[in-house]
Protein backbone atom coordinates (compact mmCIF):
# COMPACT_ATOMS: atom_id res chain seq x y z
CA UNK A 1 -25.18 -2.80 35.08
CA UNK A 2 -27.45 -1.81 37.94
CA UNK A 3 -25.85 -1.62 41.39
CA UNK A 4 -26.62 -4.39 43.85
CA UNK A 5 -29.10 -3.45 46.57
CA UNK A 6 -26.41 -3.57 49.26
CA UNK A 7 -24.48 -0.82 47.42
CA UNK A 8 -27.51 1.47 47.26
CA UNK A 9 -28.59 4.18 49.68
CA UNK A 10 -31.94 3.39 51.32
CA UNK A 11 -34.36 6.33 51.35
CA UNK A 12 -37.12 6.02 53.93
CA UNK A 13 -40.38 7.60 52.73
CA UNK A 14 -42.54 8.94 55.53
CA UNK A 15 -45.54 10.53 53.75
CA UNK A 16 -45.71 14.25 54.43
CA UNK A 17 -42.20 14.43 55.87
CA UNK A 18 -39.68 13.76 53.09
CA UNK A 19 -37.03 16.49 52.89
CA UNK A 20 -35.16 18.02 49.97
CA UNK A 21 -31.95 16.15 50.73
CA UNK A 22 -33.78 12.83 50.30
CA UNK A 23 -35.41 14.01 47.09
CA UNK A 24 -32.01 15.09 45.78
CA UNK A 25 -30.59 11.63 46.53
CA UNK A 26 -33.47 10.06 44.61
CA UNK A 27 -32.74 12.39 41.68
CA UNK A 28 -29.06 11.44 41.68
CA UNK A 29 -29.79 7.72 41.69
CA UNK A 30 -28.24 4.57 43.15
CA UNK A 31 -30.97 4.52 45.79
CA UNK A 32 -33.72 2.21 47.00
CA UNK A 33 -36.92 3.44 48.58
CA UNK A 34 -39.09 1.99 51.33
CA UNK A 35 -42.43 3.17 52.67
CA UNK A 36 -42.91 3.83 56.36
CA UNK A 37 -45.02 1.10 57.97
CA UNK A 38 -47.17 3.74 59.62
CA UNK A 39 -48.58 4.76 56.23
CA UNK A 40 -50.23 1.41 55.58
CA UNK A 41 -53.16 1.84 57.95
CA UNK A 42 -54.21 5.12 56.31
CA UNK A 43 -53.97 3.60 52.84
CA UNK A 44 -56.07 0.61 53.88
CA UNK A 45 -58.72 2.80 55.54
CA UNK A 46 -59.20 4.97 52.45
CA UNK A 47 -59.42 1.94 50.17
CA UNK A 48 -62.06 0.39 52.41
CA UNK A 49 -64.07 3.62 52.19
CA UNK A 50 -64.09 3.37 48.40
CA UNK A 51 -65.19 -0.26 48.56
CA UNK A 52 -68.10 0.62 50.85
CA UNK A 53 -69.24 3.33 48.45
CA UNK A 54 -69.30 0.85 45.58
CA UNK A 55 -71.13 -1.76 47.64
CA UNK A 56 -73.72 0.78 48.79
CA UNK A 57 -74.29 2.05 45.26
CA UNK A 58 -73.60 5.67 46.21
CA UNK A 59 -72.75 7.94 43.28
CA UNK A 60 -69.36 9.58 43.85
CA UNK A 61 -67.24 11.34 41.24
CA UNK A 62 -64.18 9.40 40.19
CA UNK A 63 -65.39 6.15 41.72
CA UNK A 64 -68.44 5.28 39.64
CA UNK A 65 -68.86 8.22 37.27
CA UNK A 66 -67.27 9.47 34.10
CA UNK A 67 -64.55 12.12 34.16
CA UNK A 68 -64.20 15.79 33.34
CA UNK A 69 -67.18 16.99 31.30
CA UNK A 70 -68.59 13.43 31.53
CA UNK A 71 -68.74 13.53 35.34
CA UNK A 72 -72.55 13.32 35.33
CA UNK A 73 -72.50 9.88 33.69
CA UNK A 74 -72.95 7.06 36.22
CA UNK A 75 -71.07 3.83 35.54
CA UNK A 76 -72.55 0.48 36.67
CA UNK A 77 -70.50 -1.64 39.07
CA UNK A 78 -69.78 -4.34 36.50
CA UNK A 79 -68.00 -1.79 34.27
CA UNK A 80 -65.84 -0.03 36.87
CA UNK A 81 -62.70 -2.01 36.00
CA UNK A 82 -63.26 -1.19 32.32
CA UNK A 83 -63.71 2.47 33.28
CA UNK A 84 -60.34 2.63 35.05
CA UNK A 85 -58.50 0.80 32.28
CA UNK A 86 -60.06 3.02 29.61
CA UNK A 87 -59.09 6.08 31.60
CA UNK A 88 -55.43 5.09 31.56
CA UNK A 89 -55.46 4.14 27.88
CA UNK A 90 -57.35 7.20 26.65
CA UNK A 91 -55.17 9.62 28.59
CA UNK A 92 -51.88 8.15 27.34
CA UNK A 93 -51.41 10.74 24.62
CA UNK A 94 -48.02 12.22 25.51
CA UNK A 95 -45.52 13.16 22.83
CA UNK A 96 -41.83 13.96 22.55
CA UNK A 97 -38.69 12.48 24.04
CA UNK A 98 -39.02 10.30 27.12
CA UNK A 99 -38.25 11.91 30.45
CA UNK A 100 -34.79 10.85 31.71
CA UNK A 101 -34.46 8.29 34.47
CA UNK A 102 -33.46 10.84 37.11
CA UNK A 103 -36.76 12.69 36.63
CA UNK A 104 -38.78 9.46 36.37
CA UNK A 105 -37.33 8.31 39.70
CA UNK A 106 -38.66 11.48 41.29
CA UNK A 107 -42.04 11.01 39.59
CA UNK A 108 -42.37 7.46 40.93
CA UNK A 109 -41.22 8.39 44.44
CA UNK A 110 -43.48 11.44 44.73
CA UNK A 111 -46.42 9.44 43.38
CA UNK A 112 -45.79 6.87 46.11
CA UNK A 113 -45.72 9.70 48.66
CA UNK A 114 -48.99 11.18 47.40
CA UNK A 115 -50.86 7.87 47.26
CA UNK A 116 -49.58 6.92 50.71
CA UNK A 117 -51.14 9.93 52.43
CA UNK A 118 -54.31 7.87 52.75
CA UNK A 119 -56.58 10.14 50.71
CA UNK A 120 -56.57 8.27 47.39
CA UNK A 121 -58.54 5.07 47.99
CA UNK A 122 -55.94 2.91 46.30
CA UNK A 123 -54.78 -0.57 47.31
CA UNK A 124 -51.49 -0.86 49.15
CA UNK A 125 -50.53 -3.53 46.58
CA UNK A 126 -50.45 -0.90 43.82
CA UNK A 127 -48.17 1.33 45.87
CA UNK A 128 -45.93 -1.62 46.71
CA UNK A 129 -45.70 -2.44 43.01
CA UNK A 130 -44.42 1.07 42.26
CA UNK A 131 -41.82 0.70 45.00
CA UNK A 132 -40.71 -2.73 43.75
CA UNK A 133 -40.39 -1.47 40.17
CA UNK A 134 -38.43 1.59 41.33
CA UNK A 135 -36.03 -0.55 43.33
CA UNK A 136 -35.52 -2.90 40.38
CA UNK A 137 -34.70 0.02 38.08
CA UNK A 138 -37.80 -0.50 35.93
CA UNK A 139 -38.62 2.97 34.63
CA UNK A 140 -41.86 3.71 32.73
CA UNK A 141 -41.39 5.51 29.40
CA UNK A 142 -43.04 8.90 29.94
CA UNK A 143 -43.12 11.38 27.02
CA UNK A 144 -42.06 14.87 28.11
CA UNK A 145 -44.90 16.85 26.47
CA UNK A 146 -48.67 16.79 26.81
CA UNK A 147 -49.59 18.23 30.21
CA UNK A 148 -51.08 21.64 31.01
CA UNK A 149 -50.54 21.15 34.73
CA UNK A 150 -54.17 21.10 35.85
CA UNK A 151 -56.40 18.17 36.63
CA UNK A 152 -52.97 16.85 37.36
CA UNK A 153 -50.26 15.83 34.91
CA UNK A 154 -52.79 13.57 33.25
CA UNK A 155 -51.05 12.43 30.08
CA UNK A 156 -47.57 11.79 31.52
CA UNK A 157 -48.98 10.07 34.61
CA UNK A 158 -51.15 7.93 32.34
CA UNK A 159 -47.95 6.72 30.68
CA UNK A 160 -46.60 5.84 34.14
CA UNK A 161 -49.83 3.97 34.87
CA UNK A 162 -49.66 2.02 31.60
CA UNK A 163 -46.79 0.09 33.10
CA UNK A 164 -49.00 -1.21 35.91
CA UNK A 165 -51.67 -2.55 33.55
CA UNK A 166 -49.09 -4.19 31.29
CA UNK A 167 -49.28 -1.71 28.42
CA UNK A 168 -46.61 0.43 26.81
CA UNK A 169 -42.88 0.21 27.37
CA UNK A 170 -40.43 0.54 30.22
CA UNK A 171 -36.66 1.03 30.44
CA UNK A 172 -34.27 -1.17 32.37
CA UNK A 173 -30.63 -0.04 32.31
CA UNK A 174 -31.51 2.15 29.34
CA UNK A 175 -32.99 -0.71 27.29
CA UNK A 176 -36.66 -0.57 26.33
CA UNK A 177 -38.76 -3.65 26.96
CA UNK A 178 -42.49 -4.27 27.17
CA UNK A 179 -44.32 -3.34 30.36
CA UNK A 180 -45.31 -6.99 30.81
CA UNK A 181 -41.63 -7.98 30.79
CA UNK A 182 -40.85 -5.17 33.20
CA UNK A 183 -43.50 -6.33 35.64
CA UNK A 184 -42.20 -9.88 35.40
CA UNK A 185 -38.74 -8.78 36.58
CA UNK A 186 -40.28 -8.17 40.02
CA UNK A 187 -42.66 -11.13 39.88
CA UNK A 188 -45.78 -9.14 39.01
CA UNK A 189 -48.54 -9.54 36.46
CA UNK A 190 -50.57 -6.65 35.02
CA UNK A 191 -53.03 -5.12 37.48
CA UNK A 192 -56.76 -4.93 36.98
CA UNK A 193 -57.35 -1.51 38.48
CA UNK A 194 -60.13 -1.18 41.01
CA UNK A 195 -62.56 1.71 41.57
CA UNK A 196 -60.80 5.09 41.62
CA UNK A 197 -57.33 3.58 41.24
CA UNK A 198 -56.79 4.74 37.69
CA UNK A 199 -57.91 8.25 38.57
CA UNK A 200 -55.71 8.30 41.67
CA UNK A 201 -52.70 7.33 39.57
CA UNK A 202 -53.40 9.93 36.87
CA UNK A 203 -54.40 12.85 39.06
CA UNK A 204 -51.54 14.69 40.70
CA UNK A 205 -48.73 17.16 40.15
CA UNK A 206 -45.88 14.66 40.36
CA UNK A 207 -44.45 15.20 36.87
CA UNK A 208 -44.40 19.00 37.04
CA UNK A 209 -43.08 18.83 40.60
CA UNK A 210 -40.32 16.40 39.63
CA UNK A 211 -39.26 18.54 36.68
CA UNK A 212 -39.21 21.60 38.92
CA UNK A 213 -37.12 19.70 41.49
CA UNK A 214 -34.64 18.89 38.72
CA UNK A 215 -34.53 22.61 37.96
CA UNK A 216 -33.96 23.39 41.62
CA UNK A 217 -31.15 20.86 42.05
CA UNK A 218 -29.42 21.90 38.82
CA UNK A 219 -30.10 25.54 39.66
CA UNK A 220 -28.29 25.10 42.98
CA UNK A 221 -25.25 23.86 41.09
CA UNK A 222 -25.08 26.78 38.66
CA UNK A 223 -25.69 29.19 41.53
CA UNK A 224 -22.68 27.75 43.37
CA UNK A 225 -20.60 27.80 40.20
CA UNK A 226 -21.64 31.41 39.59
CA UNK A 227 -20.37 32.47 43.02
CA UNK A 228 -17.03 30.76 42.46
CA UNK A 229 -16.74 32.21 38.95
CA UNK A 230 -17.53 35.68 40.29
CA UNK A 231 -14.79 35.36 42.91
CA UNK A 232 -12.35 34.18 40.23
CA UNK A 233 -13.23 37.16 38.03
CA UNK A 234 -12.78 39.58 40.93
CA UNK A 235 -9.29 38.17 41.46
CA UNK A 236 -8.47 38.27 37.74
CA UNK A 237 -9.21 42.01 37.45
CA UNK A 238 -7.84 42.76 40.95
CA UNK A 239 -11.22 43.99 42.05
CA UNK A 240 -12.09 45.42 45.43
CA UNK A 241 -13.42 43.34 48.31
CA UNK A 242 -14.71 46.40 50.15
CA UNK A 243 -18.23 45.93 48.70
CA UNK A 244 -18.32 42.62 50.60
CA UNK A 245 -18.13 44.43 53.96
CA UNK A 246 -20.85 42.92 56.16
CA UNK A 247 -21.96 46.35 57.38
CA UNK A 248 -23.20 47.27 53.91
CA UNK A 249 -25.42 44.21 53.66
CA UNK A 250 -26.69 44.31 57.22
CA UNK A 251 -27.78 47.89 56.59
CA UNK A 252 -30.11 46.60 53.89
CA UNK A 253 -31.22 43.46 55.68
CA UNK A 254 -31.85 41.11 52.74
CA UNK A 255 -31.03 37.61 53.97
CA UNK A 256 -29.68 36.20 50.72
CA UNK A 257 -27.50 39.24 50.13
CA UNK A 258 -26.00 39.01 53.63
CA UNK A 259 -25.31 35.29 53.21
CA UNK A 260 -23.71 35.66 49.77
CA UNK A 261 -21.44 38.50 50.85
CA UNK A 262 -20.24 36.44 53.81
CA UNK A 263 -19.67 33.36 51.65
CA UNK A 264 -17.66 35.22 49.00
CA UNK A 265 -15.61 36.90 51.74
CA UNK A 266 -14.76 33.46 53.10
CA UNK A 267 -13.83 32.26 49.62
CA UNK A 268 -11.30 35.08 49.26
CA UNK A 269 -9.93 35.10 52.81
CA UNK A 270 -6.13 35.02 52.78
CA UNK A 271 -5.71 36.02 49.13
CA UNK A 272 -2.36 37.60 48.24
CA UNK A 273 -3.98 39.09 45.16
CA UNK A 274 -6.43 41.04 47.35
CA UNK A 275 -3.69 42.43 49.59
CA UNK A 276 -1.44 43.29 46.61
CA UNK A 277 -3.74 46.11 45.51
CA UNK A 278 -5.35 47.06 48.81
CA UNK A 279 -4.16 50.67 48.51
CA UNK A 280 -4.62 51.20 44.79
CA UNK A 281 -6.54 54.21 43.50
CA UNK A 282 -9.37 52.14 42.04
CA UNK A 283 -12.58 53.37 43.68
CA UNK A 284 -15.44 51.33 42.21
CA UNK A 285 -15.71 48.19 40.10
CA UNK A 286 -18.47 47.69 37.51
CA UNK A 287 -21.78 46.41 38.86
CA UNK A 288 -21.23 42.84 37.65
CA UNK A 289 -18.35 42.61 40.15
CA UNK A 290 -19.47 45.02 42.86
CA UNK A 291 -23.10 43.91 43.09
CA UNK A 292 -22.59 40.15 43.27
CA UNK A 293 -24.08 39.97 46.79
CA UNK A 294 -27.15 41.95 45.76
CA UNK A 295 -27.84 40.00 42.55
CA UNK A 296 -26.80 36.54 43.65
CA UNK A 297 -28.39 37.06 47.05
CA UNK A 298 -31.72 37.72 45.35
CA UNK A 299 -31.20 34.58 43.26
CA UNK A 300 -30.54 32.59 46.44
CA UNK A 301 -33.71 33.92 48.05
CA UNK A 302 -35.68 32.84 44.97
CA UNK A 303 -34.19 29.36 45.08
CA UNK A 304 -34.95 29.03 48.79
CA UNK A 305 -38.56 30.12 48.34
CA UNK A 306 -39.06 27.72 45.43
CA UNK A 307 -37.44 24.93 47.44
CA UNK A 308 -39.93 25.38 50.27
CA UNK A 309 -42.89 25.23 47.87
CA UNK A 310 -41.57 22.16 46.07
CA UNK A 311 -40.81 20.25 49.26
CA UNK A 312 -44.41 20.78 50.35
CA UNK A 313 -45.74 19.72 46.94
CA UNK A 314 -43.56 16.61 46.78
CA UNK A 315 -45.26 15.45 49.98
CA UNK A 316 -48.76 16.56 49.01
CA UNK A 317 -51.97 14.67 48.37
CA UNK A 318 -52.76 16.18 44.96
CA UNK A 319 -55.35 13.60 43.91
CA UNK A 320 -59.04 14.34 43.33
CA UNK A 321 -61.46 13.56 44.84
CA UNK A 322 -59.91 13.03 48.26
CA UNK A 323 -61.04 10.38 50.73
CA UNK A 324 -61.17 11.33 54.41
CA UNK A 325 -61.14 9.22 57.55
CA UNK A 326 -64.82 9.84 58.37
CA UNK A 327 -65.85 8.43 55.00
CA UNK A 328 -66.32 11.74 53.21
CA UNK A 329 -65.14 11.86 49.59
CA UNK A 330 -64.75 15.48 48.51
CA UNK A 331 -63.99 16.92 45.09
CA UNK A 332 -61.56 19.82 45.10
CA UNK A 333 -58.66 21.11 43.07
CA UNK A 334 -55.39 19.97 44.63
CA UNK A 335 -54.36 18.77 41.18
CA UNK A 336 -54.00 22.40 40.02
CA UNK A 337 -50.25 22.96 39.88
CA UNK A 338 -50.19 26.75 40.21
CA UNK A 339 -47.78 26.62 43.19
CA UNK A 340 -45.40 24.50 41.13
CA UNK A 341 -45.70 26.82 38.13
CA UNK A 342 -44.86 29.84 40.28
CA UNK A 343 -41.93 28.00 41.87
CA UNK A 344 -40.60 27.01 38.44
CA UNK A 345 -40.96 30.57 37.19
CA UNK A 346 -38.93 32.05 40.04
CA UNK A 347 -36.24 29.39 39.58
CA UNK A 348 -36.16 30.44 35.92
CA UNK A 349 -35.64 34.08 36.89
CA UNK A 350 -32.77 33.13 39.18
CA UNK A 351 -31.08 30.86 36.64
CA UNK A 352 -31.39 33.50 33.91
CA UNK A 353 -29.87 36.19 36.14
CA UNK A 354 -27.00 33.96 37.23
CA UNK A 355 -26.10 33.57 33.56
CA UNK A 356 -26.75 37.22 32.71
CA UNK A 357 -24.38 38.66 35.31
CA UNK A 358 -21.80 35.97 34.55
CA UNK A 359 -21.78 36.88 30.87
CA UNK A 360 -21.22 40.54 31.79
CA UNK A 361 -18.23 39.64 33.94
CA UNK A 362 -16.87 37.58 31.06
CA UNK A 363 -17.18 40.58 28.74
CA UNK A 364 -15.36 42.67 31.35
CA UNK A 365 -12.48 40.19 31.51
CA UNK A 366 -11.97 40.36 27.74
CA UNK A 367 -12.01 44.18 27.57
CA UNK A 368 -8.41 45.23 28.18
CA UNK A 369 -9.47 48.80 28.93
CA UNK A 370 -11.54 47.62 31.90
CA UNK A 371 -9.67 44.54 33.06
CA UNK A 372 -6.05 45.52 32.52
CA UNK A 373 -5.51 42.08 31.03
CA UNK A 374 -4.37 41.25 27.47
CA UNK A 375 -7.15 41.71 24.90
CA UNK A 376 -9.31 38.57 24.77
CA UNK A 377 -6.93 36.95 27.26
CA UNK A 378 -4.34 35.71 24.80
CA UNK A 379 -0.81 36.58 23.76
CA UNK A 380 -0.17 37.85 20.24
CA UNK A 381 -3.69 39.20 19.73
CA UNK A 382 -4.68 39.60 16.10
CA UNK A 383 -3.04 36.38 15.06
CA UNK A 384 -4.89 34.82 17.98
CA UNK A 385 -8.53 35.59 18.80
CA UNK A 386 -8.42 34.03 22.25
CA UNK A 387 -11.74 34.03 24.12
CA UNK A 388 -13.48 36.33 21.63
CA UNK A 389 -15.98 33.83 20.25
CA UNK A 390 -16.33 31.89 23.48
CA UNK A 391 -17.92 35.09 24.79
CA UNK A 392 -20.26 35.10 21.78
CA UNK A 393 -21.41 31.60 22.72
CA UNK A 394 -21.99 32.77 26.27
CA UNK A 395 -23.94 35.79 25.02
CA UNK A 396 -26.09 33.59 22.78
CA UNK A 397 -27.03 31.27 25.63
CA UNK A 398 -27.58 34.06 28.15
CA UNK A 399 -29.86 35.76 25.65
CA UNK A 400 -31.75 32.52 24.96
CA UNK A 401 -32.40 32.19 28.67
CA UNK A 402 -34.00 35.63 28.74
CA UNK A 403 -36.69 34.35 26.39
CA UNK A 404 -37.04 31.07 28.26
CA UNK A 405 -37.46 32.98 31.54
CA UNK A 406 -40.82 34.38 30.41
CA UNK A 407 -43.29 33.07 33.02
CA UNK A 408 -45.08 29.90 32.02
CA UNK A 409 -47.71 30.46 34.69
CA UNK A 410 -49.21 33.50 32.95
CA UNK A 411 -50.50 31.32 30.11
CA UNK A 412 -53.69 29.29 30.20
CA UNK A 413 -55.92 27.55 27.68
CA UNK A 414 -59.26 25.95 28.61
CA UNK A 415 -59.68 22.21 28.02
CA UNK A 416 -62.31 19.48 28.44
CA UNK A 417 -65.17 21.52 26.96
CA UNK A 418 -64.42 24.39 29.38
CA UNK A 419 -64.81 22.22 32.47
CA UNK A 420 -61.10 22.70 33.02
CA UNK A 421 -61.11 26.37 32.07
CA UNK A 422 -57.96 27.58 33.84
CA UNK A 423 -54.69 25.67 33.87
CA UNK A 424 -51.23 26.29 35.32
CA UNK A 425 -48.83 25.28 32.52
CA UNK A 426 -46.58 24.07 35.34
CA UNK A 427 -45.19 21.16 33.37
CA UNK A 428 -43.81 23.42 30.65
CA UNK A 429 -42.66 25.98 33.22
CA UNK A 430 -40.69 23.26 34.99
CA UNK A 431 -39.48 21.41 31.90
CA UNK A 432 -37.76 24.42 30.33
CA UNK A 433 -35.58 24.72 33.44
CA UNK A 434 -33.47 21.84 32.12
CA UNK A 435 -32.44 23.86 29.06
CA UNK A 436 -31.95 26.99 31.13
CA UNK A 437 -29.64 25.31 33.64
CA UNK A 438 -27.65 23.76 30.79
CA UNK A 439 -27.24 27.19 29.18
CA UNK A 440 -26.21 28.88 32.40
CA UNK A 441 -23.71 26.13 33.21
CA UNK A 442 -22.04 26.84 29.85
CA UNK A 443 -21.97 30.59 30.47
CA UNK A 444 -20.59 30.29 34.00
CA UNK A 445 -18.10 27.66 32.89
CA UNK A 446 -16.73 29.94 30.17
CA UNK A 447 -16.44 32.80 32.67
CA UNK A 448 -14.51 30.62 35.12
CA UNK A 449 -12.18 29.42 32.36
CA UNK A 450 -11.53 33.02 31.29
CA UNK A 451 -11.05 34.22 34.86
CA UNK A 452 -8.46 31.54 35.59
CA UNK A 453 -6.68 32.55 32.38
CA UNK A 454 -6.64 36.12 33.69
CA UNK A 455 -5.33 35.05 37.09
CA UNK A 456 -2.53 33.13 35.39
CA UNK A 457 -1.50 36.34 33.64
CA UNK A 458 -1.04 37.87 37.11
CA UNK A 459 1.22 35.13 38.47
CA UNK A 460 3.16 34.69 40.70
CA UNK A 461 0.48 36.33 42.87
CA UNK A 462 -1.69 33.72 44.54
CA UNK A 463 -5.28 33.77 45.66
CA UNK A 464 -6.80 32.18 48.78
CA UNK A 465 -6.46 28.50 49.56
CA UNK A 466 -10.07 27.85 48.52
CA UNK A 467 -9.81 29.77 45.26
CA UNK A 468 -6.47 28.16 44.40
CA UNK A 469 -8.23 24.83 44.83
CA UNK A 470 -10.86 25.94 42.32
CA UNK A 471 -8.16 27.17 39.94
CA UNK A 472 -6.59 23.71 40.09
CA UNK A 473 -10.01 22.14 39.45
CA UNK A 474 -10.38 24.31 36.34
CA UNK A 475 -6.88 23.49 35.16
CA UNK A 476 -7.69 19.79 35.48
CA UNK A 477 -10.42 20.45 32.90
CA UNK A 478 -8.65 22.90 30.56
CA UNK A 479 -5.08 24.00 29.91
CA UNK A 480 -3.82 27.58 29.72
CA UNK A 481 -4.62 29.07 26.30
CA UNK A 482 -1.17 29.80 24.83
CA UNK A 483 -2.54 30.27 21.33
CA UNK A 484 -5.79 29.59 19.49
CA UNK A 485 -6.98 26.00 19.60
CA UNK A 486 -10.20 24.06 19.24
CA UNK A 487 -12.16 25.36 22.25
CA UNK A 488 -15.44 23.44 21.99
CA UNK A 489 -14.08 20.56 24.13
CA UNK A 490 -12.91 23.13 26.70
CA UNK A 491 -16.37 24.68 26.83
CA UNK A 492 -17.98 21.28 27.40
CA UNK A 493 -15.45 20.40 30.09
CA UNK A 494 -16.19 23.66 31.86
CA UNK A 495 -19.93 23.03 31.61
CA UNK A 496 -19.28 19.82 33.52
CA UNK A 497 -17.24 21.78 36.06
CA UNK A 498 -20.17 24.15 36.59
CA UNK A 499 -22.66 21.25 36.83
CA UNK A 500 -20.93 19.34 39.60
CA UNK A 501 -22.70 18.65 42.87
CA UNK A 502 -20.18 19.52 45.58
CA UNK A 503 -18.67 22.97 46.19
CA UNK A 504 -16.50 24.64 48.85
CA UNK A 505 -18.22 24.80 52.22
CA UNK A 506 -18.85 28.55 52.34
CA UNK A 507 -21.17 27.97 49.39
CA UNK A 508 -22.41 24.41 49.87
CA UNK A 509 -24.20 25.27 53.09
CA UNK A 510 -26.16 28.04 51.35
CA UNK A 511 -27.93 25.61 49.02
CA UNK A 512 -31.51 24.74 50.05
CA UNK A 513 -31.22 20.97 49.58
CA UNK A 514 -28.02 20.83 51.66
CA UNK A 515 -29.28 22.84 54.64
């Protein structure tokens, strides 16, 4: 059942000013949205400009012409409504599974933000309809494939727009119903779209941006999990904390590296395990332990840069043409999602590296010659295989991510008879982040499970208060591995551990959407 409105968080949408924390709340759900009253005047002014153009008979692309390669074809006033309806119908050619509700919520909210900038020439009633449908939990069915991320996310946004004209299907509480029924739940009938309204709805980067935001929010989680898992592994092998010394990182000056070293130091502060081997003869740990600040710091910097780009894009007017307050209507290319594609690609690099270094630490834990722990972290090895094949699963997924991390933005195929001759592939670049974050959550979860197993072999020594809390959190998910057992449920439980939202404060405050 949907939550009552009084139980929901209200997210205030001020066009151009919505922050990442608000976008993350929309992604998580159980929210309502409202548009700032100050946006209405700009929306009304741009819509009046479009109406004047139609009344004056001026020829302006997107208002009374064809589209793409057919832009030179003028459309008479009596056929403008037909033009907009046909645009939505003809562009609804998406394929594949429907986007999940958490992504669709972001698509709807960012489309409201874009249309409300006052550059789209759309009626306020259309925007209000999107808000009402969002708040009622009426989600358009949007297939995940079919956009090249230039001239906007045309096909997926056409499927969103179908809902407004009473075509296609929507979901309410996971149940598919007709768009007409969905509109009726909020007291609406299908819209007859006015001049430019169909184009304004279809043009834009909202789908690729929303998918990239999902990748960012899930990427934050696996980044946090990776830092905790790395600290657990350091404790399990009795690694050195000297490489965390702030002087090392300040000498280099990389912001992410400095922040990560400080955060991991705080995680381990007060650990009896650390002090127990402070004077041992071990000089250097392998890179996967020693270079956590350098590697994870670079990942953090990537996530922060991508977050800045995506926050801007979520607030952007990415329609075409754009209507300006002096009455000018100018064709440009804000629909080209190259910034989103680049942001998605650097998130992909970070997520792949988080998994890659985690898998190497896992391999280290299982190698008794390097870790000093029982082979494969189990008693009676030979009869028991322990974590042997769990590491194979981690290796498989880490390797898969290396292929998925290939930049989507370097690809381009011309479309629309070469009118749209360079595209961003942002929608694919962003969509694959879902699989990548899933894979990395599995890898990091397996590492954490193995590291806690290793720490338990070193009892009664205890770690820091924060790390002991994380050990308890792991043990709530999985029991100590006394002997071989079915481990697939353990792996899934640890994926959920790595995918959780909230983490210890030394880490939580590093994450871009929590700053």
